Amino acid sequence: MANPNTEAAGQPGRLASIDAYRGLVMLLIMAEALDLRAVARAVPASRLWAALAHCQTHVQWLGCSLHDLIQPSFSFLVGVALPFSIAGRLARGQSGWRMTAHAFQRALVLVALGVFLRSVGRPQTYFTFEDTLSQIGLGYGFLFLLGFCRPRWQWVALALVLVGYWAAFALYPLPPADFDYARVGVSPAWLGEHGLTGFAAHWNKNSNLAWAFDIWFLNLFSRESPFAFNGGGYATLSFIPTLGTMILGLLAGGVLRGPRRPWSKVRLFVLAGLLLLAGGGLLEWLGVCPAVKRIWTPSWTLWSGGWCFLFLAAFYAVIDIQRWQRWAFPLVVVGMNSIAAYCMEGLFGGFIRDALKRHLGAGVFDVFGTAFEPPVLGACVVLVLWLILFWMYRRRLFVRI
């Protein structure tokens, strides 16, 4: 059997499965250009398009869609890659102090890049920290330090992060009976359909601990208007349980670099995935902690982490053990330049869309009817982005932080 830690994408010791999984995550982000929800609205009788649109939509509060697994997967893979990164830097003779300084510098750049991307098109810097890159950056320094610890201490850190974050929400007082939810962007209709009651109300939208923290923290920065709420319910403090997701990835990366046989690693990942899914689901079913992605509750960390382990197991088994790699090449191209792909989608996706319509004519994309223009045009946008990434791949141009 081939050693799964051999060459991948031309780099010794690189696992193609990690790049392919990361590439899938980035392609799902880029695929927002397909706008499948527009097709679902145009053909409301179609269950297929409704299902596809759901996969491309974040759930309102409780629950999970495919789109909701993008950010957990990206965060998880940061942790998976860290043991390989540390080992590579140690092999090159870098000192611990130098690596640590670089890690915290990288964390700062990620936070700043997230703020920059959220500020595009605004009259002034929009200080908000719920962007994926900012969330990763806020916890990355702590994750890096944990990368030098034994797995038992990584498990202890994970438990402290999740239990402590749960306790902080649980101890924060519930809003009074006359609390004006409309003032914080929560309509009566939304509250009636998605609002939580009883003990779970500690995790309701824009009335929880993380929202209260942002009322104080985000208003420390210069703003167009005072911060009162986030329309989606997202919060800065979500970086804490996101760190939990990255720690799960760190543990997985340690196993990948460890001495276990390849198929033993797959079985361990599958078992871990199933146990995490069961644990997250049980916490919600018991009413202890609802699984809410938008505020990244501890039960969501477990539930989404379970899916991440299962995805990693599948990619590792197929690509690095069975060596079925050709099909994954388009994913690897994107996954090896994930930061570039993330920024390109945010900065140039709309420009490419407009340029295609302007120069080719809108009628070109109506080949299957006007209802299906959005995915046809969106597929062309994704193709252009991929071709740019392929050009960078061929010339070994990789954006690193």
Protein backbone atom coordinates (compact mmCIF):
# COMPACT_ATOMS: atom_id res chain seq x y z
CA MET A 1 0.00 0.00 0.00
CA ALA A 2 1.28 3.45 -0.88
CA ASN A 3 2.33 5.67 1.96
CA PRO A 4 -0.36 8.40 2.29
CA ASN A 5 2.25 10.89 3.45
CA THR A 6 4.07 10.92 0.10
CA GLU A 7 4.02 13.62 -2.54
CA ALA A 8 0.81 15.49 -3.25
CA ALA A 9 0.55 18.26 -5.78
CA GLY A 10 4.29 18.14 -6.19
CA GLN A 11 5.14 18.90 -2.55
CA PRO A 12 6.74 16.13 -0.46
CA GLY A 13 4.84 15.23 2.69
CA ARG A 14 1.69 17.08 1.63
CA LEU A 15 -1.65 15.27 1.91
CA ALA A 16 -3.75 15.83 -1.17
CA SER A 17 -6.89 15.00 0.82
CA ILE A 18 -6.48 18.13 2.95
CA ASP A 19 -6.08 20.34 -0.11
CA ALA A 20 -9.03 18.66 -1.85
CA TYR A 21 -11.31 19.05 1.18
CA ARG A 22 -10.28 22.69 1.49
CA GLY A 23 -10.87 23.11 -2.24
CA LEU A 24 -14.40 21.75 -1.92
CA VAL A 25 -15.07 24.27 0.85
CA MET A 26 -13.81 27.15 -1.27
CA LEU A 27 -15.75 25.98 -4.34
CA LEU A 28 -18.93 25.98 -2.26
CA ILE A 29 -18.20 29.61 -1.39
CA MET A 30 -17.48 30.48 -5.02
CA ALA A 31 -20.64 28.62 -6.06
CA GLU A 32 -22.75 31.27 -4.37
CA ALA A 33 -22.48 32.91 -7.79
CA LEU A 34 -24.89 30.23 -9.10
CA ASP A 35 -27.72 31.88 -7.12
CA LEU A 36 -29.80 28.71 -6.93
CA ARG A 37 -32.32 30.51 -4.73
CA ALA A 38 -33.29 32.67 -7.71
CA VAL A 39 -34.08 29.52 -9.69
CA ALA A 40 -36.12 28.12 -6.81
CA ARG A 41 -38.16 31.32 -6.72
CA ALA A 42 -38.67 31.18 -10.50
CA VAL A 43 -39.88 27.56 -10.43
CA PRO A 44 -41.58 27.27 -7.02
CA ALA A 45 -43.17 23.92 -7.86
CA SER A 46 -39.81 22.17 -8.18
CA ARG A 47 -38.71 20.28 -5.07
CA LEU A 48 -35.29 19.66 -6.61
CA TRP A 49 -34.48 23.34 -7.00
CA ALA A 50 -35.91 24.05 -3.55
CA ALA A 51 -33.59 21.43 -2.07
CA LEU A 52 -30.59 22.78 -3.98
CA ALA A 53 -31.43 26.32 -2.88
CA HIS A 54 -31.62 25.13 0.74
CA CYS A 55 -28.12 23.66 0.41
CA GLN A 56 -26.89 27.12 -0.58
CA THR A 57 -28.69 28.98 2.21
CA HIS A 58 -27.82 29.48 5.86
CA VAL A 59 -30.59 28.30 8.18
CA GLN A 60 -32.27 31.07 10.15
CA TRP A 61 -31.24 29.79 13.60
CA LEU A 62 -31.58 26.12 14.57
CA GLY A 63 -30.62 23.39 12.14
CA CYS A 64 -27.98 22.94 9.48
CA SER A 65 -27.58 23.11 5.72
CA LEU A 66 -24.62 22.28 3.50
CA HIS A 67 -23.80 25.99 3.37
CA ASP A 68 -23.61 26.08 7.17
CA LEU A 69 -20.78 23.54 7.09
CA ILE A 70 -18.47 25.76 5.03
CA GLN A 71 -17.08 27.88 7.86
CA PRO A 72 -16.68 24.97 10.31
CA SER A 73 -14.82 22.99 7.65
CA PHE A 74 -12.51 25.90 6.83
CA SER A 75 -11.78 26.42 10.54
CA PHE A 76 -11.34 22.69 11.16
CA LEU A 77 -8.82 22.42 8.32
CA VAL A 78 -6.75 25.24 9.81
CA GLY A 79 -6.27 22.97 12.81
CA VAL A 80 -5.62 19.88 10.67
CA ALA A 81 -2.81 21.62 8.77
CA LEU A 82 -1.10 23.06 11.85
CA PRO A 83 0.85 19.94 12.99
CA PHE A 84 2.27 19.61 9.47
CA SER A 85 3.19 23.30 9.42
CA ILE A 86 4.92 23.14 12.81
CA ALA A 87 6.83 20.00 11.83
CA GLY A 88 7.95 21.59 8.58
CA ARG A 89 9.19 24.76 10.32
CA LEU A 90 11.03 22.75 12.96
CA ALA A 91 12.68 20.69 10.22
CA ARG A 92 13.91 23.94 8.64
CA GLY A 93 15.50 24.91 11.94
CA GLN A 94 13.15 27.72 12.94
CA SER A 95 13.11 28.57 16.63
CA GLY A 96 10.03 28.42 18.79
CA TRP A 97 10.08 32.17 19.36
CA ARG A 98 10.29 32.89 15.65
CA MET A 99 7.42 30.53 14.87
CA THR A 100 5.28 31.99 17.65
CA ALA A 101 5.90 35.56 16.49
CA HIS A 102 4.95 34.56 12.95
CA ALA A 103 1.79 32.82 14.20
CA PHE A 104 0.54 35.91 16.03
CA GLN A 105 1.50 38.09 13.08
CA ARG A 106 -0.52 35.77 10.84
CA ALA A 107 -3.44 36.00 13.27
CA LEU A 108 -3.37 39.80 13.11
CA VAL A 109 -3.25 39.79 9.30
CA LEU A 110 -6.23 37.40 9.12
CA VAL A 111 -8.28 39.62 11.41
CA ALA A 112 -7.37 42.72 9.41
CA LEU A 113 -8.12 41.00 6.11
CA GLY A 114 -11.53 39.97 7.35
CA VAL A 115 -12.31 43.55 8.40
CA PHE A 116 -11.08 44.81 5.03
CA LEU A 117 -13.31 42.44 3.07
CA ARG A 118 -16.33 43.45 5.16
CA SER A 119 -15.52 47.12 4.54
CA VAL A 120 -15.45 46.92 0.73
CA GLY A 121 -18.02 49.30 -0.74
CA ARG A 122 -18.53 51.19 2.54
CA PRO A 123 -17.63 54.87 3.14
CA GLN A 124 -15.35 53.99 6.06
CA THR A 125 -13.76 50.98 7.71
CA TYR A 126 -16.51 48.67 8.94
CA PHE A 127 -15.19 47.20 12.16
CA THR A 128 -16.88 43.87 12.59
CA PHE A 129 -15.28 40.54 13.35
CA GLU A 130 -17.72 37.82 12.32
CA ASP A 131 -16.01 37.20 8.98
CA THR A 132 -14.52 33.70 8.66
CA LEU A 133 -10.95 35.02 8.39
CA SER A 134 -11.35 37.32 11.39
CA GLN A 135 -12.85 34.55 13.49
CA ILE A 136 -9.95 32.25 12.66
CA GLY A 137 -7.43 35.01 13.28
CA LEU A 138 -8.80 35.84 16.73
CA GLY A 139 -8.19 32.28 17.89
CA TYR A 140 -5.19 31.29 15.79
CA GLY A 141 -2.50 32.39 18.23
CA PHE A 142 -3.99 30.26 21.00
CA LEU A 143 -4.34 27.34 18.59
CA PHE A 144 -0.69 27.62 17.62
CA LEU A 145 0.45 27.44 21.25
CA LEU A 146 -1.75 24.37 21.75
CA GLY A 147 0.00 22.80 18.76
CA PHE A 148 3.04 22.22 21.01
CA CYS A 149 0.98 20.50 23.71
CA ARG A 150 0.23 16.82 24.11
CA PRO A 151 -3.19 15.64 22.89
CA ARG A 152 -4.48 15.25 26.45
CA TRP A 153 -3.95 18.95 27.08
CA GLN A 154 -5.57 19.79 23.77
CA TRP A 155 -8.62 17.82 24.90
CA VAL A 156 -8.56 19.69 28.22
CA ALA A 157 -8.41 23.02 26.37
CA LEU A 158 -11.34 21.97 24.17
CA ALA A 159 -13.42 21.06 27.22
CA LEU A 160 -12.58 24.34 28.96
CA VAL A 161 -13.47 26.37 25.87
CA LEU A 162 -16.83 24.68 25.29
CA VAL A 163 -17.94 24.30 28.91
CA GLY A 164 -16.79 27.80 29.81
CA TYR A 165 -18.54 29.36 26.82
CA TRP A 166 -21.72 27.43 27.58
CA ALA A 167 -21.64 28.51 31.23
CA ALA A 168 -21.12 32.17 30.31
CA PHE A 169 -24.26 32.14 28.15
CA ALA A 170 -26.24 30.15 30.68
CA LEU A 171 -25.38 32.55 33.51
CA TYR A 172 -26.11 35.70 31.50
CA PRO A 173 -29.59 36.88 32.53
CA LEU A 174 -32.52 36.38 30.19
CA PRO A 175 -34.06 39.55 28.72
CA PRO A 176 -37.01 40.97 30.67
CA ALA A 177 -40.56 40.15 29.63
CA ASP A 178 -40.99 43.57 28.01
CA PHE A 179 -37.74 43.35 26.00
CA ASP A 180 -38.15 45.11 22.64
CA TYR A 181 -36.93 42.51 20.16
CA ALA A 182 -37.89 44.71 17.22
CA ARG A 183 -35.31 47.26 18.40
CA VAL A 184 -32.57 44.66 17.87
CA GLY A 185 -33.75 43.49 14.46
CA VAL A 186 -35.89 40.53 15.55
CA SER A 187 -39.43 40.75 14.22
CA PRO A 188 -42.38 39.12 16.02
CA ALA A 189 -42.84 36.80 13.04
CA TRP A 190 -39.21 35.67 13.16
CA LEU A 191 -39.36 35.23 16.91
CA GLY A 192 -42.54 33.23 16.64
CA GLU A 193 -41.01 30.84 14.13
CA HIS A 194 -37.41 30.59 15.31
CA GLY A 195 -37.34 31.95 18.86
CA LEU A 196 -36.27 29.65 21.69
CA THR A 197 -38.11 29.32 24.98
CA GLY A 198 -37.27 28.16 28.48
CA PHE A 199 -33.60 27.59 29.30
CA ALA A 200 -32.70 27.61 25.59
CA ALA A 201 -33.76 31.28 25.42
CA HIS A 202 -30.27 32.13 26.69
CA TRP A 203 -29.21 31.56 23.08
CA ASN A 204 -31.87 33.66 21.35
CA LYS A 205 -30.97 36.07 18.59
CA ASN A 206 -29.60 39.50 19.59
CA SER A 207 -30.49 39.13 23.25
CA ASN A 208 -27.65 36.93 24.48
CA LEU A 209 -24.24 37.39 26.05
CA ALA A 210 -22.37 37.73 22.74
CA TRP A 211 -24.78 40.41 21.51
CA ALA A 212 -24.33 42.35 24.78
CA PHE A 213 -20.54 42.12 24.41
CA ASP A 214 -20.72 43.53 20.88
CA ILE A 215 -22.91 46.43 22.03
CA TRP A 216 -19.93 47.44 24.16
CA PHE A 217 -16.98 46.25 22.07
CA LEU A 218 -17.95 47.27 18.53
CA ASN A 219 -18.96 50.74 19.68
CA LEU A 220 -15.37 51.33 20.78
CA PHE A 221 -14.53 51.75 17.09
CA SER A 222 -15.40 54.65 14.81
CA ARG A 223 -18.65 53.80 13.00
CA GLU A 224 -21.12 55.36 10.59
CA SER A 225 -23.76 54.83 13.26
CA PRO A 226 -23.74 53.20 16.71
CA PHE A 227 -23.84 49.41 16.64
CA ALA A 228 -27.17 48.07 17.90
CA PHE A 229 -27.34 44.55 16.45
CA ASN A 230 -26.11 42.28 13.70
CA GLY A 231 -28.86 41.48 11.23
CA GLY A 232 -27.91 37.82 11.08
CA GLY A 233 -27.26 37.48 14.79
CA TYR A 234 -23.53 36.88 14.25
CA ALA A 235 -21.15 37.88 17.04
CA THR A 236 -17.49 38.56 17.72
CA LEU A 237 -17.28 36.13 20.66
CA SER A 238 -18.05 33.22 18.34
CA PHE A 239 -14.30 33.02 17.80
CA ILE A 240 -14.09 31.21 21.17
CA PRO A 241 -16.13 28.12 20.20
CA THR A 242 -14.64 28.44 16.68
CA LEU A 243 -11.33 27.85 18.44
CA GLY A 244 -12.95 24.64 19.69
CA THR A 245 -13.57 23.61 16.08
CA MET A 246 -9.94 24.37 15.23
CA ILE A 247 -8.79 22.30 18.22
CA LEU A 248 -10.79 19.36 16.86
CA GLY A 249 -8.91 19.84 13.61
CA LEU A 250 -5.62 20.04 15.50
CA LEU A 251 -6.37 16.68 17.11
CA ALA A 252 -7.24 15.22 13.72
CA GLY A 253 -4.02 16.58 12.22
CA GLY A 254 -2.03 14.99 15.02
CA VAL A 255 -3.59 11.63 14.20
CA LEU A 256 -2.81 12.06 10.50
CA ARG A 257 0.86 12.68 11.32
CA GLY A 258 0.92 9.87 13.87
CA PRO A 259 2.04 6.25 13.55
CA ARG A 260 -1.38 4.63 13.18
CA ARG A 261 -2.06 2.61 10.06
CA PRO A 262 -3.98 4.57 7.42
CA TRP A 263 -7.22 2.59 7.66
CA SER A 264 -7.04 2.76 11.46
CA LYS A 265 -7.01 6.56 11.13
CA VAL A 266 -10.10 6.43 8.92
CA ARG A 267 -11.97 4.25 11.41
CA LEU A 268 -10.98 6.60 14.24
CA PHE A 269 -12.21 9.63 12.27
CA VAL A 270 -15.52 7.94 11.48
CA LEU A 271 -16.00 6.97 15.13
CA ALA A 272 -15.11 10.49 16.29
CA GLY A 273 -17.48 11.98 13.73
CA LEU A 274 -20.40 9.83 14.81
CA LEU A 275 -19.76 10.47 18.51
CA LEU A 276 -19.56 14.23 17.97
CA LEU A 277 -22.78 14.22 15.94
CA ALA A 278 -24.50 12.25 18.68
CA GLY A 279 -23.12 14.50 21.41
CA GLY A 280 -24.18 17.72 19.71
CA GLY A 281 -27.61 16.34 18.89
CA LEU A 282 -28.10 15.02 22.42
CA LEU A 283 -27.26 18.36 24.01
CA GLU A 284 -29.91 20.03 21.85
CA TRP A 285 -32.49 17.28 22.42
CA LEU A 286 -32.01 17.50 26.20
CA GLY A 287 -32.46 21.28 26.07
CA VAL A 288 -28.99 21.84 27.51
CA CYS A 289 -27.62 23.78 24.54
CA PRO A 290 -29.23 24.43 21.14
CA ALA A 291 -27.10 23.92 18.03
CA VAL A 292 -26.96 27.39 16.46
CA LYS A 293 -24.32 28.10 13.84
CA ARG A 294 -24.77 31.88 13.78
CA ILE A 295 -23.53 32.22 17.38
CA TRP A 296 -21.51 28.98 17.23
CA THR A 297 -22.91 27.35 20.34
CA PRO A 298 -20.84 24.53 21.93
CA SER A 299 -23.32 21.94 20.68
CA TRP A 300 -22.84 23.36 17.16
CA THR A 301 -19.08 22.94 17.59
CA LEU A 302 -19.65 19.25 18.32
CA TRP A 303 -22.29 18.70 15.63
CA SER A 304 -20.43 20.48 12.84
CA GLY A 305 -17.14 18.98 14.02
CA GLY A 306 -18.67 15.54 13.56
CA TRP A 307 -19.38 16.29 9.92
CA CYS A 308 -15.85 17.62 9.48
CA PHE A 309 -14.36 14.36 10.76
CA LEU A 310 -16.57 12.37 8.40
CA PHE A 311 -15.62 14.52 5.41
CA LEU A 312 -11.94 14.23 6.29
CA ALA A 313 -12.24 10.45 6.66
CA ALA A 314 -13.85 10.15 3.23
CA PHE A 315 -11.31 12.39 1.47
CA TYR A 316 -8.35 10.72 3.19
CA ALA A 317 -9.57 7.20 2.40
CA VAL A 318 -10.32 7.90 -1.25
CA ILE A 319 -7.45 10.22 -2.16
CA ASP A 320 -4.49 9.35 0.06
CA ILE A 321 -5.11 5.66 0.77
CA GLN A 322 -6.81 4.43 -2.38
CA ARG A 323 -4.82 6.96 -4.44
CA TRP A 324 -7.86 7.97 -6.54
CA GLN A 325 -6.59 11.48 -7.07
CA ARG A 326 -7.28 12.57 -10.64
CA TRP A 327 -10.90 13.50 -9.99
CA ALA A 328 -9.79 15.75 -7.11
CA PHE A 329 -7.33 17.83 -9.15
CA PRO A 330 -9.79 20.74 -9.70
CA LEU A 331 -10.35 20.82 -5.94
CA VAL A 332 -6.62 20.72 -5.16
CA VAL A 333 -6.02 23.70 -7.47
CA VAL A 334 -8.43 25.74 -5.36
CA GLY A 335 -7.48 24.26 -2.00
CA MET A 336 -3.78 25.06 -2.37
CA ASN A 337 -4.65 28.74 -2.84
CA SER A 338 -7.57 29.06 -0.45
CA ILE A 339 -6.77 32.60 0.77
CA ALA A 340 -6.49 33.82 -2.82
CA ALA A 341 -9.76 32.07 -3.72
CA TYR A 342 -11.55 33.57 -0.72
CA CYS A 343 -10.40 37.11 -1.53
CA MET A 344 -11.00 36.79 -5.27
CA GLU A 345 -14.57 35.63 -4.72
CA GLY A 346 -15.29 38.54 -2.42
CA LEU A 347 -13.50 41.22 -4.42
CA PHE A 348 -13.91 40.20 -8.06
CA GLY A 349 -16.90 37.88 -8.28
CA GLY A 350 -19.36 40.67 -8.95
CA PHE A 351 -16.98 42.40 -11.37
CA ILE A 352 -16.55 39.21 -13.41
CA ARG A 353 -20.30 38.68 -13.51
CA ASP A 354 -20.92 42.20 -14.81
CA ALA A 355 -18.08 41.94 -17.33
CA LEU A 356 -19.43 38.68 -18.76
CA LYS A 357 -22.90 40.14 -19.21
CA ARG A 358 -21.54 43.37 -20.67
CA HIS A 359 -19.21 41.81 -23.20
CA LEU A 360 -21.08 38.62 -24.11
CA GLY A 361 -24.62 39.93 -23.75
CA ALA A 362 -27.23 38.78 -21.25
CA GLY A 363 -28.95 36.67 -23.90
CA VAL A 364 -26.00 34.26 -24.05
CA PHE A 365 -26.85 33.01 -20.58
CA ASP A 366 -30.56 32.47 -21.30
CA VAL A 367 -29.85 29.32 -23.30
CA PHE A 368 -32.02 27.25 -20.94
CA GLY A 369 -34.59 30.02 -20.34
CA THR A 370 -34.57 33.14 -18.22
CA ALA A 371 -35.30 31.16 -15.03
CA PHE A 372 -31.97 29.40 -15.40
CA GLU A 373 -29.86 32.41 -16.33
CA PRO A 374 -28.42 32.85 -12.79
CA PRO A 375 -26.77 29.40 -12.54
CA VAL A 376 -25.49 29.51 -16.12
CA LEU A 377 -23.94 32.93 -15.60
CA GLY A 378 -22.73 31.91 -12.15
CA ALA A 379 -21.07 28.78 -13.54
CA CYS A 380 -19.15 30.99 -15.97
CA VAL A 381 -18.03 33.20 -13.07
CA VAL A 382 -16.82 30.16 -11.14
CA LEU A 383 -15.00 28.89 -14.22
CA VAL A 384 -13.19 32.20 -14.69
CA LEU A 385 -12.15 32.23 -11.03
CA TRP A 386 -10.95 28.63 -11.29
CA LEU A 387 -8.95 29.36 -14.43
CA ILE A 388 -7.19 32.23 -12.64
CA LEU A 389 -6.37 29.89 -9.76
CA PHE A 390 -5.18 27.25 -12.23
CA TRP A 391 -2.89 29.82 -13.86
CA MET A 392 -1.48 30.62 -10.42
CA TYR A 393 -1.12 26.91 -9.64
CA ARG A 394 0.84 26.25 -12.84
CA ARG A 395 3.21 29.09 -11.98
CA ARG A 396 3.47 28.08 -8.30
CA LEU A 397 1.97 31.39 -7.18
CA PHE A 398 0.44 30.70 -3.78
CA VAL A 399 -0.84 33.39 -1.43
CA ARG A 400 0.51 32.69 2.05
CA ILE A 401 0.08 34.67 5.24
